[in-house]
Amino acid sequence: MGFIYWIASYPKSGNSWARAFLTSLITEGALTATGKSPQVIPDENLGRFYKPFLKKPFEAASAAELAAIRPRAHRMIASKSQNFALVKTHALLGVHHGTPTVTFDVTAGAIYLVRNPLDVAVTYSEHRKKDLDDTIAAMNDSERIARRLPNRSYEIIGSWSENVASWTKPHDRILVLRNEDMLNDPDAEFRRMVQFLRMDVSADQLARALEKSRSAADASGRWRTVLTEAQVAQLVSRHEVTMKRFGYWQDEFDSLIGRQTTAAANFP
């Protein structure tokens, strides 16, 4: 029986890039007959993982019923791997309907990807095909459950800060990577990723996988030309503590939320 390494993040925070890179490494760049990369890092909430444990149609199962069988679904995923399985999730790390969102007895570790919420808002809005105000409201929504897609279980995502905080408590089996660092020094950050996963990867293999996956990377700093001051203020006022923790806070945000930067603010 194998174990699961989670590729976790709030939506649009670098998860697609990380999975494209790892997929290229695992498959050595092979493509399917349709010219696409094989699906080797599935979503945790795929219906096929849950259906074997239900006595009713999957679509009719409630969130509470799906939560109750989640550990069995995770154990089935792990059981099909001789070593470890890589599995994607956007769920926060916690307990919902009395069941952990991650089944610890089959978990080897996790890679958590974090990104400036201002840039997340821009890309997530485009992905959701919703306007920015709607997306910002979703990012600020405590204990938010994302809209359940066809043939998928539900995911409790929470607000941006809730999601990030849940996964980034100090733990030796969780590697936290900032999307901005991945963009600035991909060789170093993706090397950290493969070392954490204990994958034996040469410099040439790393370079090839990075080259093949670059198109999945999202640019940094687009928020400056897309978000209004009011929209920035809505996000930074809600997520100040977490933004400061990960180096996303800027002095200009103080005045946006009605404070003037003082000398005292520069001290711990």
Foldseek 3Di string as FASTA:
>chain_A
DEFEAEAEEAPPQCSLLLVLLVLCLVVVNDADPVRHGDPQAEALFFLVLQVVPDPDPSVPDDLLRSQVCSLVSRVVVGVVDPYYGYYYDLAAADADNRHTPDNPVRHQAYEYEGEQVLLVLVVVCVVVVHDSVVSLCQLLAAQDKDPADPRTHIGRNGHNQRRVVRQPDDDPRYHYDYLVVCVVCVLVVVVVVCVSVVHDADPVSSVVSCVSSVVVRDDPDPSVVPPDLLSVLSNCVRRVVVCVVVVNDDQVNQVSVPHHDDPVVVDD
